N, C-alpha and C. Protein backbone atom coordinates (compact mmCIF):
# COMPACT_ATOMS: atom_id res chain seq x y z
N UNK A 1 4.89 -25.15 10.13
CA UNK A 1 6.12 -24.35 10.75
C UNK A 1 6.70 -23.30 9.82
N UNK A 2 7.07 -22.23 10.25
CA UNK A 2 7.58 -21.07 9.55
C UNK A 2 8.96 -21.38 9.09
N UNK A 3 9.25 -21.33 7.88
CA UNK A 3 10.71 -21.61 7.47
C UNK A 3 11.63 -20.33 7.80
N UNK A 4 12.73 -20.69 8.15
CA UNK A 4 13.84 -19.74 8.47
C UNK A 4 15.00 -20.26 7.62
N UNK A 5 15.31 -19.45 6.57
CA UNK A 5 16.43 -19.72 5.66
C UNK A 5 17.48 -18.79 5.82
N UNK A 6 18.66 -19.40 5.82
CA UNK A 6 20.00 -18.55 6.02
C UNK A 6 20.83 -18.74 4.78
N UNK A 7 21.28 -17.61 4.35
CA UNK A 7 22.19 -17.62 3.04
C UNK A 7 23.46 -16.85 3.64
N UNK A 8 24.40 -16.56 2.80
CA UNK A 8 25.55 -15.94 3.04
C UNK A 8 25.39 -14.51 3.74
N UNK A 9 24.39 -13.83 3.07
CA UNK A 9 24.15 -12.45 3.43
C UNK A 9 22.75 -12.07 4.04
N UNK A 10 21.83 -13.13 4.02
CA UNK A 10 20.42 -12.87 4.42
C UNK A 10 20.00 -13.84 5.34
N UNK A 11 18.92 -13.35 6.06
CA UNK A 11 18.03 -14.27 6.91
C UNK A 11 16.67 -14.02 6.18
N UNK A 12 16.13 -15.26 5.80
CA UNK A 12 14.84 -15.17 5.00
C UNK A 12 13.84 -15.96 5.81
N UNK A 13 12.67 -15.44 5.83
CA UNK A 13 11.49 -16.10 6.58
C UNK A 13 10.17 -15.50 5.94
N UNK A 14 9.13 -16.03 6.44
CA UNK A 14 7.90 -15.43 5.94
C UNK A 14 7.56 -14.19 6.68
N UNK A 15 6.82 -13.36 5.95
CA UNK A 15 6.42 -12.08 6.51
C UNK A 15 5.52 -12.27 7.62
N UNK A 16 5.73 -11.66 8.72
CA UNK A 16 5.01 -11.89 10.13
C UNK A 16 4.72 -10.53 10.62
N UNK A 17 3.71 -10.50 11.65
CA UNK A 17 3.41 -9.27 12.29
C UNK A 17 4.53 -8.54 12.94
N UNK A 18 5.62 -9.30 13.41
CA UNK A 18 6.73 -8.58 13.94
C UNK A 18 7.53 -7.86 12.96
N UNK A 19 7.26 -8.06 11.70
CA UNK A 19 8.02 -7.27 10.72
C UNK A 19 7.32 -5.94 10.29
N UNK A 20 6.17 -5.57 10.86
CA UNK A 20 5.42 -4.33 10.67
C UNK A 20 6.33 -3.09 10.68
N UNK A 21 7.02 -2.73 11.53
CA UNK A 21 7.82 -1.54 11.44
C UNK A 21 8.82 -1.62 10.31
N UNK A 22 9.42 -2.74 10.06
CA UNK A 22 10.37 -2.81 8.98
C UNK A 22 9.74 -2.66 7.62
N UNK A 23 8.64 -3.35 7.52
CA UNK A 23 7.93 -3.26 6.18
C UNK A 23 7.41 -1.78 5.91
N UNK A 24 6.99 -1.20 6.91
CA UNK A 24 6.54 0.24 6.73
C UNK A 24 7.74 1.06 6.21
N UNK A 25 8.83 0.85 6.77
CA UNK A 25 10.15 1.53 6.50
C UNK A 25 10.50 1.17 5.03
N UNK A 26 10.49 -0.21 4.74
CA UNK A 26 10.90 -0.61 3.37
C UNK A 26 9.97 0.07 2.31
N UNK A 27 8.71 0.05 2.60
CA UNK A 27 7.82 0.63 1.46
C UNK A 27 7.88 2.07 1.33
N UNK A 28 8.21 2.72 2.47
CA UNK A 28 8.24 4.19 2.34
C UNK A 28 9.59 4.64 1.92
N UNK A 29 10.66 3.99 2.26
CA UNK A 29 12.03 4.44 1.62
C UNK A 29 12.09 4.06 0.23
N UNK A 30 11.38 2.94 -0.28
CA UNK A 30 11.57 2.54 -1.58
C UNK A 30 10.27 2.89 -2.41
N UNK A 31 9.54 3.75 -1.99
CA UNK A 31 8.26 4.29 -2.70
C UNK A 31 8.57 4.66 -4.17
N UNK A 32 9.48 5.57 -4.31
CA UNK A 32 9.78 6.02 -5.69
C UNK A 32 10.54 4.99 -6.48
N UNK A 33 11.43 4.35 -5.90
CA UNK A 33 12.20 3.39 -6.56
C UNK A 33 11.33 2.17 -7.10
N UNK A 34 10.33 1.77 -6.40
CA UNK A 34 9.40 0.59 -6.83
C UNK A 34 8.22 1.01 -7.62
N UNK A 35 7.96 2.40 -7.59
CA UNK A 35 6.64 2.89 -8.32
C UNK A 35 6.57 2.52 -9.84
N UNK A 36 7.77 2.47 -10.53
CA UNK A 36 7.70 2.01 -11.90
C UNK A 36 7.42 0.60 -12.30
N UNK A 37 7.51 -0.24 -11.18
CA UNK A 37 7.38 -1.67 -11.33
C UNK A 37 6.10 -2.18 -10.70
N UNK A 38 5.31 -1.35 -10.07
CA UNK A 38 4.03 -1.81 -9.38
C UNK A 38 2.86 -1.07 -9.82
N UNK A 39 1.68 -1.56 -9.27
CA UNK A 39 0.44 -0.85 -9.51
C UNK A 39 0.57 0.50 -8.83
N UNK A 40 -0.20 1.48 -9.19
CA UNK A 40 -0.36 2.73 -8.54
C UNK A 40 -0.73 2.62 -7.19
N UNK A 41 -0.10 3.14 -6.24
CA UNK A 41 -0.37 2.92 -4.80
C UNK A 41 -1.03 4.39 -4.25
N UNK A 42 -2.00 4.14 -3.54
CA UNK A 42 -2.76 5.33 -2.94
C UNK A 42 -1.86 5.71 -1.57
N UNK A 43 -1.99 6.83 -1.16
CA UNK A 43 -1.33 7.22 0.12
C UNK A 43 -1.66 6.15 1.25
N UNK A 44 -2.83 5.73 1.33
CA UNK A 44 -3.32 4.71 2.34
C UNK A 44 -2.39 3.47 2.41
N UNK A 45 -1.98 3.12 1.17
CA UNK A 45 -1.14 1.89 1.00
C UNK A 45 0.02 1.92 1.92
N UNK A 46 0.58 3.10 2.16
CA UNK A 46 1.79 3.28 2.96
C UNK A 46 1.58 3.47 4.40
N UNK A 47 0.34 3.39 4.84
CA UNK A 47 0.00 3.61 6.29
C UNK A 47 0.26 2.43 7.17
N UNK A 48 0.38 2.64 8.39
CA UNK A 48 0.42 1.64 9.44
C UNK A 48 -0.63 0.50 9.23
N UNK A 49 -1.88 1.13 9.20
CA UNK A 49 -2.94 0.22 9.23
C UNK A 49 -3.06 -0.68 7.90
N UNK A 50 -2.73 -0.05 6.87
CA UNK A 50 -2.88 -0.89 5.49
C UNK A 50 -1.66 -1.83 5.52
N UNK A 51 -0.54 -1.44 5.97
CA UNK A 51 0.52 -2.38 6.01
C UNK A 51 0.32 -3.57 6.89
N UNK A 52 -0.31 -3.29 7.97
CA UNK A 52 -0.75 -4.45 8.86
C UNK A 52 -1.74 -5.37 8.13
N UNK A 53 -2.74 -4.79 7.48
CA UNK A 53 -3.58 -5.72 6.72
C UNK A 53 -2.82 -6.56 5.65
N UNK A 54 -1.78 -6.01 5.02
CA UNK A 54 -1.02 -6.71 4.09
C UNK A 54 -0.31 -7.86 4.71
N UNK A 55 0.20 -7.68 5.85
CA UNK A 55 0.83 -8.73 6.68
C UNK A 55 -0.26 -9.89 7.16
N UNK A 56 -1.30 -9.32 7.60
CA UNK A 56 -2.35 -10.30 8.09
C UNK A 56 -2.82 -11.13 6.90
N UNK A 57 -2.94 -10.53 5.78
CA UNK A 57 -3.44 -11.21 4.63
C UNK A 57 -2.37 -12.23 4.19
N UNK A 58 -1.09 -11.94 4.32
CA UNK A 58 -0.03 -12.81 3.96
C UNK A 58 -0.09 -13.98 4.94
N UNK A 59 -0.24 -13.77 6.21
CA UNK A 59 -0.30 -14.96 7.21
C UNK A 59 -1.43 -15.79 6.87
N UNK A 60 -2.58 -15.22 6.60
CA UNK A 60 -3.75 -16.04 6.37
C UNK A 60 -3.51 -16.84 4.94
N UNK A 61 -3.00 -16.34 4.02
CA UNK A 61 -2.74 -16.91 2.70
C UNK A 61 -1.78 -18.05 2.89
N UNK A 62 -0.81 -17.87 3.82
CA UNK A 62 0.26 -19.07 4.09
C UNK A 62 -0.47 -20.15 4.86
N UNK A 63 -1.34 -19.88 5.76
CA UNK A 63 -2.09 -20.93 6.52
C UNK A 63 -2.97 -21.58 5.61
N UNK A 64 -3.54 -20.92 4.69
CA UNK A 64 -4.49 -21.73 3.69
C UNK A 64 -3.62 -22.38 2.64
N UNK A 65 -2.37 -22.20 2.46
CA UNK A 65 -1.62 -22.85 1.32
C UNK A 65 -1.62 -22.21 0.12
N UNK A 66 -2.29 -20.90 -0.02
CA UNK A 66 -2.32 -20.22 -1.32
C UNK A 66 -1.12 -19.44 -1.73
N UNK A 67 -0.37 -19.14 -0.64
CA UNK A 67 0.70 -18.12 -1.00
C UNK A 67 1.82 -18.19 0.08
N UNK A 68 2.99 -17.94 -0.43
CA UNK A 68 4.08 -17.86 0.63
C UNK A 68 4.75 -16.45 0.38
N UNK A 69 4.70 -15.54 1.23
CA UNK A 69 5.37 -14.14 1.17
C UNK A 69 6.61 -14.10 2.00
N UNK A 70 7.73 -14.23 1.37
CA UNK A 70 9.05 -14.22 2.16
C UNK A 70 9.58 -12.84 2.17
N UNK A 71 10.26 -12.62 3.32
CA UNK A 71 10.95 -11.44 3.52
C UNK A 71 12.49 -11.70 3.66
N UNK A 72 13.40 -10.91 3.10
CA UNK A 72 14.84 -11.13 3.33
C UNK A 72 15.22 -9.90 4.25
N UNK A 73 15.97 -10.37 5.30
CA UNK A 73 16.43 -9.41 6.23
C UNK A 73 17.95 -9.24 6.31
N UNK A 74 18.48 -8.26 6.65
CA UNK A 74 20.09 -8.30 6.76
C UNK A 74 20.35 -9.26 7.98
N UNK A 75 21.58 -9.53 8.22
CA UNK A 75 21.99 -10.45 9.23
C UNK A 75 21.57 -10.16 10.66
N UNK A 76 21.55 -8.74 10.91
CA UNK A 76 21.10 -8.31 12.27
C UNK A 76 19.63 -8.22 12.45
N UNK A 77 18.85 -8.50 11.24
CA UNK A 77 17.36 -8.47 11.27
C UNK A 77 16.87 -7.13 11.57
N UNK A 78 17.51 -6.15 11.08
CA UNK A 78 17.04 -4.75 11.43
C UNK A 78 16.50 -3.96 10.17
N UNK A 79 16.66 -4.67 8.99
CA UNK A 79 16.27 -3.97 7.73
C UNK A 79 15.73 -5.03 6.75
N UNK A 80 14.67 -4.72 6.10
CA UNK A 80 14.25 -5.59 4.89
C UNK A 80 15.03 -5.24 3.65
N UNK A 81 15.67 -6.32 3.04
CA UNK A 81 16.29 -6.13 1.94
C UNK A 81 15.48 -6.32 0.69
N UNK A 82 14.70 -7.28 0.77
CA UNK A 82 13.78 -7.60 -0.36
C UNK A 82 12.59 -8.36 0.07
N UNK A 83 11.72 -8.56 -0.81
CA UNK A 83 10.41 -9.32 -0.66
C UNK A 83 10.30 -10.27 -1.90
N UNK A 84 9.68 -11.51 -1.66
CA UNK A 84 9.25 -12.28 -2.81
C UNK A 84 8.01 -13.07 -2.48
N UNK A 85 7.11 -13.16 -3.29
CA UNK A 85 5.81 -13.84 -3.06
C UNK A 85 5.75 -14.96 -4.19
N UNK A 86 5.27 -16.17 -3.61
CA UNK A 86 4.88 -17.25 -4.46
C UNK A 86 3.34 -17.34 -4.37
N UNK A 87 2.78 -16.93 -5.32
CA UNK A 87 1.25 -16.80 -5.13
C UNK A 87 0.69 -17.80 -6.09
N UNK A 88 -0.75 -17.85 -5.93
CA UNK A 88 -1.64 -18.73 -6.84
C UNK A 88 -1.10 -20.15 -6.76
N UNK A 89 -0.70 -20.62 -5.63
CA UNK A 89 -0.14 -22.08 -5.50
C UNK A 89 -1.30 -23.09 -5.75
N UNK A 90 -1.04 -23.91 -6.82
CA UNK A 90 -2.05 -24.91 -7.08
C UNK A 90 -1.40 -26.30 -7.09
N UNK A 91 -2.26 -27.30 -6.78
CA UNK A 91 -1.72 -28.61 -6.66
C UNK A 91 -2.60 -29.48 -7.64
N UNK A 92 -2.89 -29.03 -8.77
CA UNK A 92 -3.67 -29.72 -9.75
C UNK A 92 -2.77 -30.67 -10.43
N UNK A 93 -2.99 -31.05 -11.74
CA UNK A 93 -2.17 -32.01 -12.44
C UNK A 93 -0.77 -31.44 -12.55
N UNK A 94 -0.53 -30.20 -12.56
CA UNK A 94 0.79 -29.60 -12.69
C UNK A 94 0.98 -28.67 -11.49
N UNK A 95 1.47 -29.01 -10.36
CA UNK A 95 1.56 -28.11 -9.25
C UNK A 95 2.61 -26.93 -9.64
N UNK A 96 1.98 -25.68 -9.37
CA UNK A 96 2.58 -24.51 -10.01
C UNK A 96 2.24 -23.36 -9.06
N UNK A 97 3.07 -22.25 -9.38
CA UNK A 97 2.75 -21.02 -8.63
C UNK A 97 3.30 -19.81 -9.49
N UNK A 98 3.11 -18.55 -9.04
CA UNK A 98 3.72 -17.35 -9.62
C UNK A 98 4.55 -16.70 -8.73
N UNK A 99 5.63 -16.16 -9.26
CA UNK A 99 6.62 -15.46 -8.48
C UNK A 99 6.56 -14.06 -8.71
N UNK A 100 6.61 -13.18 -7.60
CA UNK A 100 6.84 -11.70 -7.74
C UNK A 100 7.85 -11.39 -6.78
N UNK A 101 8.62 -10.23 -7.03
CA UNK A 101 9.73 -9.90 -6.02
C UNK A 101 9.92 -8.39 -6.09
N UNK A 102 10.61 -7.81 -5.13
CA UNK A 102 11.10 -6.54 -5.14
C UNK A 102 12.39 -6.46 -4.17
N UNK A 103 13.16 -5.53 -4.60
CA UNK A 103 14.45 -5.35 -3.80
C UNK A 103 14.70 -3.87 -3.48
N UNK A 104 15.20 -3.63 -2.27
CA UNK A 104 15.51 -2.27 -1.98
C UNK A 104 16.42 -1.58 -2.72
N UNK A 105 16.18 -0.33 -3.04
CA UNK A 105 17.07 0.40 -3.86
C UNK A 105 18.48 0.38 -3.32
N UNK A 106 18.82 0.46 -2.15
CA UNK A 106 20.08 0.28 -1.50
C UNK A 106 20.84 -1.00 -1.80
N UNK A 107 20.08 -2.12 -2.02
CA UNK A 107 20.68 -3.36 -2.28
C UNK A 107 20.89 -3.72 -3.64
N UNK A 108 20.48 -2.82 -4.62
CA UNK A 108 20.64 -3.18 -6.04
C UNK A 108 22.11 -3.47 -6.38
N UNK A 109 22.30 -4.40 -7.36
CA UNK A 109 23.59 -4.58 -7.90
C UNK A 109 24.53 -5.47 -7.10
N UNK A 110 24.01 -6.11 -5.98
CA UNK A 110 24.96 -6.88 -5.08
C UNK A 110 24.64 -8.36 -5.11
N UNK A 111 23.76 -8.78 -5.89
CA UNK A 111 23.48 -10.29 -6.02
C UNK A 111 22.51 -10.72 -4.94
N UNK A 112 21.99 -9.78 -4.18
CA UNK A 112 21.03 -10.22 -3.00
C UNK A 112 19.70 -10.75 -3.38
N UNK A 113 19.03 -10.23 -4.63
CA UNK A 113 17.80 -10.82 -4.95
C UNK A 113 18.09 -12.33 -5.56
N UNK A 114 19.10 -12.38 -6.26
CA UNK A 114 19.51 -13.74 -6.80
C UNK A 114 19.60 -14.75 -5.65
N UNK A 115 20.39 -14.31 -4.54
CA UNK A 115 20.61 -15.12 -3.38
C UNK A 115 19.25 -15.57 -2.74
N UNK A 116 18.39 -14.52 -2.60
CA UNK A 116 17.14 -14.74 -1.95
C UNK A 116 16.26 -15.75 -2.78
N UNK A 117 16.10 -15.52 -4.20
CA UNK A 117 15.38 -16.29 -4.96
C UNK A 117 15.86 -17.66 -5.08
N UNK A 118 17.17 -17.80 -5.28
CA UNK A 118 17.67 -19.12 -5.43
C UNK A 118 17.33 -19.93 -4.19
N UNK A 119 17.49 -19.44 -3.04
CA UNK A 119 17.17 -20.11 -1.82
C UNK A 119 15.64 -20.41 -1.68
N UNK A 120 14.81 -19.47 -1.90
CA UNK A 120 13.38 -19.72 -1.67
C UNK A 120 12.86 -20.63 -2.85
N UNK A 121 13.27 -20.42 -4.00
CA UNK A 121 12.94 -21.40 -5.10
C UNK A 121 13.24 -22.82 -4.74
N UNK A 122 14.49 -23.02 -4.28
CA UNK A 122 14.85 -24.47 -3.86
C UNK A 122 13.94 -24.95 -2.86
N UNK A 123 13.60 -24.09 -1.91
CA UNK A 123 12.68 -24.46 -0.79
C UNK A 123 11.33 -24.80 -1.29
N UNK A 124 10.80 -24.10 -2.14
CA UNK A 124 9.49 -24.31 -2.76
C UNK A 124 9.48 -25.77 -3.53
N UNK A 125 10.48 -25.91 -4.29
CA UNK A 125 10.54 -27.17 -5.04
C UNK A 125 10.73 -28.45 -4.07
N UNK A 126 11.56 -28.25 -3.03
CA UNK A 126 11.90 -29.38 -2.16
C UNK A 126 10.75 -29.56 -1.28
N UNK A 127 10.13 -28.59 -0.61
CA UNK A 127 9.15 -28.72 0.42
C UNK A 127 7.79 -28.75 -0.07
N UNK A 128 7.39 -28.11 -1.15
CA UNK A 128 6.13 -28.03 -1.58
C UNK A 128 5.89 -28.95 -2.93
N UNK A 129 6.91 -29.46 -3.34
CA UNK A 129 6.96 -30.46 -4.54
C UNK A 129 6.28 -29.79 -5.77
N UNK A 130 6.58 -28.48 -5.95
CA UNK A 130 5.95 -27.96 -7.24
C UNK A 130 6.69 -28.37 -8.55
N UNK A 131 5.96 -28.32 -9.59
CA UNK A 131 6.54 -28.73 -10.85
C UNK A 131 7.09 -27.56 -11.66
N UNK A 132 6.39 -26.40 -11.36
CA UNK A 132 6.76 -25.23 -12.11
C UNK A 132 6.43 -23.93 -11.33
N UNK A 133 7.42 -23.01 -11.60
CA UNK A 133 7.32 -21.56 -11.01
C UNK A 133 7.27 -20.58 -12.21
N UNK A 134 6.28 -19.81 -12.29
CA UNK A 134 6.16 -18.91 -13.33
C UNK A 134 6.58 -17.41 -12.82
N UNK A 135 7.07 -16.66 -13.79
CA UNK A 135 7.35 -15.32 -13.53
C UNK A 135 7.20 -14.51 -14.76
N UNK A 136 7.26 -13.19 -14.66
CA UNK A 136 7.06 -12.24 -15.78
C UNK A 136 7.85 -11.03 -15.56
N UNK A 137 8.31 -10.32 -16.62
CA UNK A 137 8.88 -9.08 -16.49
C UNK A 137 8.60 -8.19 -17.62
N UNK A 138 8.69 -6.82 -17.50
CA UNK A 138 8.34 -5.97 -18.57
C UNK A 138 9.57 -5.95 -19.44
N UNK A 139 9.44 -5.81 -20.89
CA UNK A 139 10.50 -6.14 -21.83
C UNK A 139 11.66 -5.13 -21.55
N UNK A 140 11.54 -3.97 -21.01
CA UNK A 140 12.66 -3.10 -20.86
C UNK A 140 13.21 -3.24 -19.41
N UNK A 141 12.76 -4.23 -18.75
CA UNK A 141 13.58 -4.50 -17.49
C UNK A 141 14.55 -5.65 -17.57
N UNK A 142 15.74 -5.03 -18.11
CA UNK A 142 16.91 -6.03 -18.30
C UNK A 142 17.40 -6.75 -17.01
N UNK A 143 17.31 -5.99 -15.88
CA UNK A 143 17.76 -6.50 -14.59
C UNK A 143 17.03 -7.78 -14.24
N UNK A 144 15.67 -7.74 -14.38
CA UNK A 144 14.77 -8.88 -14.07
C UNK A 144 15.10 -9.91 -15.08
N UNK A 145 15.22 -9.57 -16.41
CA UNK A 145 15.41 -10.64 -17.39
C UNK A 145 16.66 -11.40 -17.05
N UNK A 146 17.80 -10.74 -16.76
CA UNK A 146 19.16 -11.31 -16.44
C UNK A 146 18.97 -12.12 -15.16
N UNK A 147 18.27 -11.57 -14.16
CA UNK A 147 18.01 -12.53 -12.96
C UNK A 147 17.34 -13.63 -13.19
N UNK A 148 16.27 -13.70 -13.91
CA UNK A 148 15.40 -14.89 -14.15
C UNK A 148 16.14 -15.90 -14.98
N UNK A 149 16.90 -15.46 -15.93
CA UNK A 149 17.72 -16.37 -16.77
C UNK A 149 18.82 -16.92 -15.97
N UNK A 150 19.42 -16.14 -15.17
CA UNK A 150 20.53 -16.77 -14.24
C UNK A 150 19.99 -17.78 -13.28
N UNK A 151 18.61 -17.64 -12.88
CA UNK A 151 18.06 -18.60 -12.04
C UNK A 151 17.48 -19.85 -12.77
N UNK A 152 17.63 -19.81 -14.06
CA UNK A 152 17.27 -20.98 -14.80
C UNK A 152 15.80 -20.97 -15.41
N UNK A 153 15.22 -19.76 -15.39
CA UNK A 153 13.91 -19.54 -16.05
C UNK A 153 14.09 -19.50 -17.45
N UNK A 154 13.11 -20.11 -18.20
CA UNK A 154 13.15 -19.93 -19.70
C UNK A 154 11.85 -19.26 -20.26
N UNK A 155 12.14 -18.59 -21.27
CA UNK A 155 11.04 -17.76 -21.97
C UNK A 155 9.91 -18.70 -22.40
N UNK A 156 8.67 -18.35 -22.17
CA UNK A 156 7.49 -19.15 -22.62
C UNK A 156 6.68 -18.30 -23.56
N UNK A 157 6.73 -17.09 -23.45
CA UNK A 157 5.89 -16.20 -24.40
C UNK A 157 5.80 -14.82 -24.06
N UNK A 158 5.02 -14.13 -24.86
CA UNK A 158 4.79 -12.59 -24.68
C UNK A 158 3.28 -12.36 -24.36
N UNK A 159 3.01 -11.61 -23.41
CA UNK A 159 1.67 -11.12 -23.01
C UNK A 159 1.49 -9.78 -23.25
N UNK A 160 0.78 -9.34 -24.15
CA UNK A 160 0.40 -7.93 -24.54
C UNK A 160 -0.60 -7.31 -23.45
N UNK A 161 -0.12 -6.17 -22.93
CA UNK A 161 -1.13 -5.55 -21.94
C UNK A 161 -1.38 -6.50 -20.63
N UNK A 162 -0.43 -7.19 -20.20
CA UNK A 162 -0.68 -8.25 -19.24
C UNK A 162 -1.02 -7.64 -17.84
N UNK A 163 -0.22 -6.72 -17.28
CA UNK A 163 -0.64 -6.12 -15.93
C UNK A 163 -0.49 -4.63 -16.06
N UNK A 164 -1.31 -4.01 -15.07
CA UNK A 164 -1.39 -2.56 -15.04
C UNK A 164 -0.32 -2.16 -14.01
N UNK A 165 0.59 -1.49 -14.58
CA UNK A 165 1.81 -1.13 -13.80
C UNK A 165 2.07 0.41 -13.87
N UNK A 166 2.14 1.16 -12.80
CA UNK A 166 2.39 2.47 -12.83
C UNK A 166 1.27 3.20 -13.57
N UNK A 167 -0.01 2.63 -13.64
CA UNK A 167 -1.10 3.22 -14.23
C UNK A 167 -1.37 2.92 -15.68
N UNK A 168 -0.44 2.08 -16.30
CA UNK A 168 -0.39 1.73 -17.71
C UNK A 168 -0.47 0.23 -17.85
N UNK A 169 -1.32 -0.34 -18.85
CA UNK A 169 -1.22 -1.67 -19.13
C UNK A 169 0.08 -1.96 -19.84
N UNK A 170 0.87 -2.85 -19.22
CA UNK A 170 2.25 -3.08 -19.70
C UNK A 170 2.36 -4.61 -20.27
N UNK A 171 3.10 -4.66 -21.43
CA UNK A 171 3.30 -5.96 -21.97
C UNK A 171 4.50 -6.65 -20.98
N UNK A 172 4.38 -7.95 -20.93
CA UNK A 172 5.31 -8.74 -20.13
C UNK A 172 5.86 -9.96 -20.92
N UNK A 173 7.09 -10.27 -20.60
CA UNK A 173 7.67 -11.53 -21.13
C UNK A 173 7.30 -12.66 -20.12
N UNK A 174 6.79 -13.69 -20.49
CA UNK A 174 6.38 -14.89 -19.56
C UNK A 174 7.58 -15.83 -19.51
N UNK A 175 7.90 -16.24 -18.23
CA UNK A 175 8.95 -17.12 -18.04
C UNK A 175 8.59 -18.29 -17.14
N UNK A 176 9.25 -19.39 -17.13
CA UNK A 176 8.91 -20.42 -16.23
C UNK A 176 10.22 -21.15 -15.82
N UNK A 177 10.26 -21.89 -14.66
CA UNK A 177 11.22 -22.74 -14.27
C UNK A 177 10.72 -24.02 -13.89
N UNK A 178 11.21 -25.14 -14.29
CA UNK A 178 10.70 -26.45 -14.17
C UNK A 178 11.49 -27.13 -13.12
N UNK A 179 10.89 -27.85 -12.24
CA UNK A 179 11.71 -28.47 -11.14
C UNK A 179 12.70 -29.49 -11.87
N UNK A 180 13.91 -29.68 -11.34
CA UNK A 180 14.91 -30.53 -11.76
C UNK A 180 14.46 -31.93 -11.68
């Protein structure tokens, strides 16, 4: 069953085919804003066809239990506010996953990503019985650092040249949150 989570300001659910026009808009409107935090994107990435493939992959990954890609919408469900993905879900000795997220430029500084992540993290811990959620941020991204600390993540370490972001191998601070 597809979760539908409601917070004070957001409607949160899994990314679905019906979100295609909203996701195309989100990615194109926020192209420049998100470029400094993401891998280099080709022009194809922003096309209808590639965006549909992203959604189809998200749906398949949910069905296989590998990943949950959430979308937060405004209350009228006419605009994507943010995205978060819990990937690499494993149920080995220590059930865990990795968190990634993005927020619309227009929604910055309003507490909406905190609201989304607090809700989805609680959902993952309660419904998927995970022990740990991992996240990382680039050392100069103080907004992500503050957000993760506020959510209860703790620093685990430093990874030199961890991810290729905006065409460069970037260092990252590694964080995790353990289930209560």
